[in-house]
C-alpha atoms as a PDB file:
ATOM      1  CA  MET A   1     175.309 196.561 141.424  1.00  0.00           C
ATOM      2  CA  SER A   2     172.556 196.277 138.597  1.00  0.00           C
ATOM      3  CA  GLU A   3     169.060 194.631 140.078  1.00  0.00           C
ATOM      4  CA  LYS A   4     166.996 192.945 137.565  1.00  0.00           C
ATOM      5  CA  GLN A   5     163.901 195.003 136.386  1.00  0.00           C
ATOM      6  CA  ARG A   6     160.783 192.865 136.918  1.00  0.00           C
ATOM      7  CA  GLY A   7     157.018 194.606 135.033  1.00  0.00           C
ATOM      8  CA  VAL A   8     156.438 194.605 131.728  1.00  0.00           C
ATOM      9  CA  THR A   9     157.089 197.302 129.067  1.00  0.00           C
ATOM     10  CA  LEU A  10     154.406 199.209 126.994  1.00  0.00           C
ATOM     11  CA  VAL A  11     155.597 197.252 123.897  1.00  0.00           C
ATOM     12  CA  GLU A  12     154.671 193.896 125.549  1.00  0.00           C
ATOM     13  CA  LEU A  13     151.469 195.370 127.393  1.00  0.00           C
ATOM     14  CA  VAL A  14     150.252 196.532 123.831  1.00  0.00           C
ATOM     15  CA  ALA A  15     151.347 193.466 121.748  1.00  0.00           C
ATOM     16  CA  VAL A  16     149.697 191.176 124.292  1.00  0.00           C
ATOM     17  CA  ILE A  17     145.994 193.506 124.181  1.00  0.00           C
ATOM     18  CA  VAL A  18     146.554 193.376 120.635  1.00  0.00           C
ATOM     19  CA  LEU A  19     146.659 189.357 120.144  1.00  0.00           C
ATOM     20  CA  LEU A  20     143.963 189.239 122.777  1.00  0.00           C
ATOM     21  CA  GLY A  21     141.754 191.639 120.535  1.00  0.00           C
ATOM     22  CA  VAL A  22     142.475 188.727 117.571  1.00  0.00           C
ATOM     23  CA  ILE A  23     142.008 186.179 119.242  1.00  0.00           C
ATOM     24  CA  GLY A  24     138.707 187.672 121.056  1.00  0.00           C
ATOM     25  CA  THR A  25     137.119 188.986 117.563  1.00  0.00           C
ATOM     26  CA  GLY A  26     137.766 185.248 116.374  1.00  0.00           C
ATOM     27  CA  LEU A  27     136.068 183.581 119.238  1.00  0.00           C
ATOM     28  CA  VAL A  28     132.840 185.818 118.646  1.00  0.00           C
ATOM     29  CA  ASN A  29     132.890 184.867 114.947  1.00  0.00           C
ATOM     30  CA  PHE A  30     133.082 181.068 115.548  1.00  0.00           C
ATOM     31  CA  ILE A  31     130.699 181.292 118.513  1.00  0.00           C
ATOM     32  CA  GLY A  32     127.998 183.732 116.802  1.00  0.00           C
ATOM     33  CA  GLY A  33     128.270 181.469 113.997  1.00  0.00           C
ATOM     34  CA  SER A  34     127.126 178.774 116.315  1.00  0.00           C
ATOM     35  CA  ALA A  35     124.413 180.754 117.854  1.00  0.00           C
ATOM     36  CA  ASP A  36     123.018 181.493 113.818  1.00  0.00           C
ATOM     37  CA  ALA A  37     123.571 177.915 113.086  1.00  0.00           C
ATOM     38  CA  TYR A  38     121.487 176.956 116.386  1.00  0.00           C
ATOM     39  CA  ARG A  39     118.716 179.226 115.854  1.00  0.00           C
ATOM     40  CA  GLU A  40     118.547 178.465 111.892  1.00  0.00           C
ATOM     41  CA  VAL A  41     118.280 174.255 113.224  1.00  0.00           C
ATOM     42  CA  LEU A  42     115.521 175.742 115.450  1.00  0.00           C
ATOM     43  CA  ARG A  43     113.672 177.049 112.850  1.00  0.00           C
ATOM     44  CA  ARG A  44     113.623 174.411 110.356  1.00  0.00           C
ATOM     45  CA  ASP A  45     112.656 172.226 112.895  1.00  0.00           C
ATOM     46  CA  GLU A  46     109.510 174.408 113.821  1.00  0.00           C
ATOM     47  CA  VAL A  47     108.629 174.497 110.038  1.00  0.00           C
ATOM     48  CA  ALA A  48     109.064 170.801 109.689  1.00  0.00           C
ATOM     49  CA  GLN A  49     106.751 170.513 113.303  1.00  0.00           C
ATOM     50  CA  VAL A  50     104.025 172.631 111.342  1.00  0.00           C
ATOM     51  CA  GLY A  51     104.419 170.026 108.197  1.00  0.00           C
ATOM     52  CA  ARG A  52     104.332 166.811 110.421  1.00  0.00           C
ATOM     53  CA  PHE A  53     101.415 168.329 112.224  1.00  0.00           C
ATOM     54  CA  ALA A  54      99.491 168.904 108.767  1.00  0.00           C
ATOM     55  CA  ILE A  55     100.088 165.735 107.131  1.00  0.00           C
ATOM     56  CA  GLU A  56      99.083 163.672 110.513  1.00  0.00           C
ATOM     57  CA  ARG A  57      95.842 165.846 110.154  1.00  0.00           C
ATOM     58  CA  VAL A  58      95.565 164.713 106.635  1.00  0.00           C
ATOM     59  CA  SER A  59      95.742 161.092 107.305  1.00  0.00           C
ATOM     60  CA  ARG A  60      93.668 161.003 110.311  1.00  0.00           C
ATOM     61  CA  GLU A  61      91.039 162.540 107.898  1.00  0.00           C
ATOM     62  CA  LEU A  62      91.693 159.763 105.247  1.00  0.00           C
ATOM     63  CA  ARG A  63      91.689 157.164 107.237  1.00  0.00           C
ATOM     64  CA  SER A  64      88.110 157.853 108.146  1.00  0.00           C
ATOM     65  CA  ALA A  65      87.117 158.463 104.523  1.00  0.00           C
ATOM     66  CA  LEU A  66      84.473 156.053 102.723  1.00  0.00           C
ATOM     67  CA  SER A  67      86.016 153.384 100.428  1.00  0.00           C
ATOM     68  CA  GLY A  68      86.861 154.407  97.022  1.00  0.00           C
ATOM     69  CA  SER A  69      85.707 157.991  97.737  1.00  0.00           C
ATOM     70  CA  VAL A  70      89.351 159.886  97.874  1.00  0.00           C
ATOM     71  CA  ARG A  71      89.914 161.628  94.819  1.00  0.00           C
ATOM     72  CA  VAL A  72      92.647 164.216  93.827  1.00  0.00           C
ATOM     73  CA  SER A  73      91.930 167.315  91.696  1.00  0.00           C
ATOM     74  CA  GLY A  74      94.748 169.847  90.990  1.00  0.00           C
ATOM     75  CA  ASN A  75      95.953 170.788  94.394  1.00  0.00           C
ATOM     76  CA  CYS A  76      92.836 168.970  96.264  1.00  0.00           C
ATOM     77  CA  VAL A  77      92.022 165.943  97.692  1.00  0.00           C
ATOM     78  CA  GLU A  78      88.358 165.125  98.050  1.00  0.00           C
ATOM     79  CA  PHE A  79      86.644 162.554 100.163  1.00  0.00           C
ATOM     80  CA  VAL A  80      83.191 161.281 101.849  1.00  0.00           C
ATOM     81  CA  PRO A  81      84.035 161.408 105.854  1.00  0.00           C
ATOM     82  CA  VAL A  82      82.254 157.970 107.327  1.00  0.00           C
ATOM     83  CA  LEU A  83      80.384 158.896 110.494  1.00  0.00           C
ATOM     84  CA  ALA A  84      79.037 155.367 111.446  1.00  0.00           C
ATOM     85  CA  ALA A  85      79.276 152.132 110.304  1.00  0.00           C
ATOM     86  CA  SER A  86      76.715 149.043 111.007  1.00  0.00           C
ATOM     87  CA  LEU A  87      75.517 146.045 109.333  1.00  0.00           C
ATOM     88  CA  TYR A  88      72.472 145.905 107.161  1.00  0.00           C
ATOM     89  CA  THR A  89      69.651 143.438 107.889  1.00  0.00           C
ATOM     90  CA  ASP A  90      67.433 144.507 105.078  1.00  0.00           C
ATOM     91  CA  MET A  91      68.219 146.492 102.190  1.00  0.00           C
ATOM     92  CA  PRO A  92      66.720 146.769  99.017  1.00  0.00           C
ATOM     93  CA  ILE A  93      69.425 145.391  96.095  1.00  0.00           C
ATOM     94  CA  ALA A  94      68.845 145.464  92.406  1.00  0.00           C
ATOM     95  CA  GLY A  95      67.937 141.925  91.153  1.00  0.00           C
ATOM     96  CA  LEU A  96      67.231 140.354  94.705  1.00  0.00           C
ATOM     97  CA  SER A  97      64.908 142.378  96.091  1.00  0.00           C
ATOM     98  CA  ALA A  98      62.215 145.286  94.817  1.00  0.00           C
ATOM     99  CA  ALA A  99      62.748 149.112  95.241  1.00  0.00           C
ATOM    100  CA  ALA A 100      61.428 149.991  99.085  1.00  0.00           C
ATOM    101  CA  ASP A 101      61.134 152.941 100.786  1.00  0.00           C
ATOM    102  CA  SER A 102      63.267 151.848 103.980  1.00  0.00           C
ATOM    103  CA  PHE A 103      66.386 149.948 105.184  1.00  0.00           C
ATOM    104  CA  SER A 104      66.925 148.301 108.322  1.00  0.00           C
ATOM    105  CA  ILE A 105      70.277 147.808 110.413  1.00  0.00           C
ATOM    106  CA  VAL A 106      71.600 146.215 113.249  1.00  0.00           C
ATOM    107  CA  SER A 107      71.080 148.989 116.007  1.00  0.00           C
ATOM    108  CA  THR A 108      73.999 151.072 116.044  1.00  0.00           C
ATOM    109  CA  VAL A 109      73.903 155.038 116.857  1.00  0.00           C
ATOM    110  CA  VAL A 110      73.988 157.364 114.149  1.00  0.00           C
ATOM    111  CA  PRO A 111      74.827 160.858 114.226  1.00  0.00           C
ATOM    112  CA  SER A 112      71.787 162.818 113.767  1.00  0.00           C
ATOM    113  CA  THR A 113      74.411 164.848 111.225  1.00  0.00           C
ATOM    114  CA  ALA A 114      74.250 161.441 108.695  1.00  0.00           C
ATOM    115  CA  SER A 115      72.335 162.410 105.738  1.00  0.00           C
ATOM    116  CA  ARG A 116      73.348 159.305 103.277  1.00  0.00           C
ATOM    117  CA  VAL A 117      74.480 155.989 103.642  1.00  0.00           C
ATOM    118  CA  ALA A 118      76.597 154.093 101.475  1.00  0.00           C
ATOM    119  CA  VAL A 119      76.755 150.388 100.322  1.00  0.00           C
ATOM    120  CA  TYR A 120      79.923 148.924  98.985  1.00  0.00           C
ATOM    121  CA  THR A 121      81.483 151.345  97.457  1.00  0.00           C
ATOM    122  CA  LEU A 122      84.900 150.438  95.447  1.00  0.00           C
ATOM    123  CA  ASP A 123      85.766 153.234  93.458  1.00  0.00           C
ATOM    124  CA  ALA A 124      85.306 157.378  93.054  1.00  0.00           C
ATOM    125  CA  ALA A 125      82.697 156.125  90.202  1.00  0.00           C
ATOM    126  CA  ASP A 126      80.291 154.340  92.452  1.00  0.00           C
ATOM    127  CA  VAL A 127      80.517 157.154  94.914  1.00  0.00           C
ATOM    128  CA  TYR A 128      80.417 160.473  92.658  1.00  0.00           C
ATOM    129  CA  GLY A 129      79.316 159.084  89.252  1.00  0.00           C
ATOM    130  CA  GLY A 130      75.468 158.731  88.049  1.00  0.00           C
ATOM    131  CA  SER A 131      75.124 154.569  89.349  1.00  0.00           C
ATOM    132  CA  SER A 132      76.219 156.124  93.096  1.00  0.00           C
ATOM    133  CA  HIS A 133      75.574 153.536  95.484  1.00  0.00           C
ATOM    134  CA  LEU A 134      75.046 156.349  97.982  1.00  0.00           C
ATOM    135  CA  ARG A 135      71.141 157.110  98.921  1.00  0.00           C
ATOM    136  CA  SER A 136      69.517 159.783 100.886  1.00  0.00           C
ATOM    137  CA  PHE A 137      68.080 158.733 104.075  1.00  0.00           C
ATOM    138  CA  ASP A 138      66.133 160.555 106.828  1.00  0.00           C
ATOM    139  CA  VAL A 139      67.644 159.840 110.368  1.00  0.00           C
ATOM    140  CA  ALA A 140      64.793 161.430 112.182  1.00  0.00           C
ATOM    141  CA  THR A 141      62.553 158.294 111.383  1.00  0.00           C
ATOM    142  CA  ALA A 142      64.165 155.681 113.098  1.00  0.00           C
ATOM    143  CA  SER A 143      62.037 153.128 114.495  1.00  0.00           C
ATOM    144  CA  SER A 144      63.595 150.436 116.919  1.00  0.00           C
ATOM    145  CA  ALA A 145      62.355 146.959 117.881  1.00  0.00           C
ATOM    146  CA  ALA A 146      64.450 143.748 118.430  1.00  0.00           C
ATOM    147  CA  GLY A 147      67.684 145.175 117.915  1.00  0.00           C
ATOM    148  CA  GLU A 148      66.826 146.180 114.749  1.00  0.00           C
ATOM    149  CA  THR A 149      66.706 149.868 113.477  1.00  0.00           C
ATOM    150  CA  THR A 150      64.797 150.918 110.854  1.00  0.00           C
ATOM    151  CA  TYR A 151      65.279 154.108 108.397  1.00  0.00           C
ATOM    152  CA  ASP A 152      63.142 155.874 105.616  1.00  0.00           C
ATOM    153  CA  PHE A 153      65.004 156.784 102.502  1.00  0.00           C
ATOM    154  CA  SER A 154      64.402 160.427 101.551  1.00  0.00           C
ATOM    155  CA  ALA A 155      62.618 159.944  98.086  1.00  0.00           C
ATOM    156  CA  PRO A 156      60.103 156.710  97.749  1.00  0.00           C
ATOM    157  CA  ALA A 157      61.657 153.487  95.994  1.00  0.00           C
ATOM    158  CA  GLN A 158      65.108 153.375  96.305  1.00  0.00           C
ATOM    159  CA  GLN A 159      67.505 150.257  95.356  1.00  0.00           C
ATOM    160  CA  PHE A 160      71.296 149.533  95.490  1.00  0.00           C
ATOM    161  CA  PRO A 161      73.203 148.973  92.301  1.00  0.00           C
ATOM    162  CA  GLU A 162      75.129 145.911  94.489  1.00  0.00           C
ATOM    163  CA  GLN A 163      74.842 143.999  98.099  1.00  0.00           C
ATOM    164  CA  SER A 164      78.224 144.337 100.338  1.00  0.00           C
ATOM    165  CA  PRO A 165      79.777 141.011 100.526  1.00  0.00           C
ATOM    166  CA  GLY A 166      79.858 141.784 104.643  1.00  0.00           C
ATOM    167  CA  ARG A 167      76.770 143.150 104.847  1.00  0.00           C
ATOM    168  CA  ARG A 168      78.359 146.810 105.694  1.00  0.00           C
ATOM    169  CA  ILE A 169      76.440 149.859 105.612  1.00  0.00           C
ATOM    170  CA  TYR A 170      78.102 152.979 106.089  1.00  0.00           C
ATOM    171  CA  PHE A 171      76.414 156.389 107.161  1.00  0.00           C
ATOM    172  CA  VAL A 172      78.192 159.436 105.732  1.00  0.00           C
ATOM    173  CA  ASP A 173      78.172 163.273 105.685  1.00  0.00           C
ATOM    174  CA  GLN A 174      79.002 165.341 102.448  1.00  0.00           C
ATOM    175  CA  PRO A 175      82.261 165.372 100.280  1.00  0.00           C
ATOM    176  CA  VAL A 176      84.949 167.183 101.848  1.00  0.00           C
END
């Protein structure tokens, strides 16, 4: 009587091991490639995040810049940051009033680091040019009365070239 054999031959066992090895190698390469791609996406996202942060910071800084003060030179951006703003009540304007030693504004908290004021700047020539719309003043000379604050100019007898239609005055820092 012949009995049916059960089990596997050595050849079948070797064939299965070889097939599993080939399939396993393919899967490892596929999964490894996917993992490398994922790591590359993370690296690119990190670089993009740093770029977004830098652009947002520059954008915020430029939003607080004095009107007309932004200028580009080569790889550099230069601007004059605004520290505070107010309305002036008494300002020596060329053609409208005589030169004066002081100016008055609606009372506003002015940072102690402010050293210059600007009135009606329209472009970079108004800010950086010889007919500058910026004047130096001494923040320590502030005197207040009836909702109005008066400051003295650093140099005597000053005038601004033009009047601001909105009577706006900006307290600014040095160019950045």
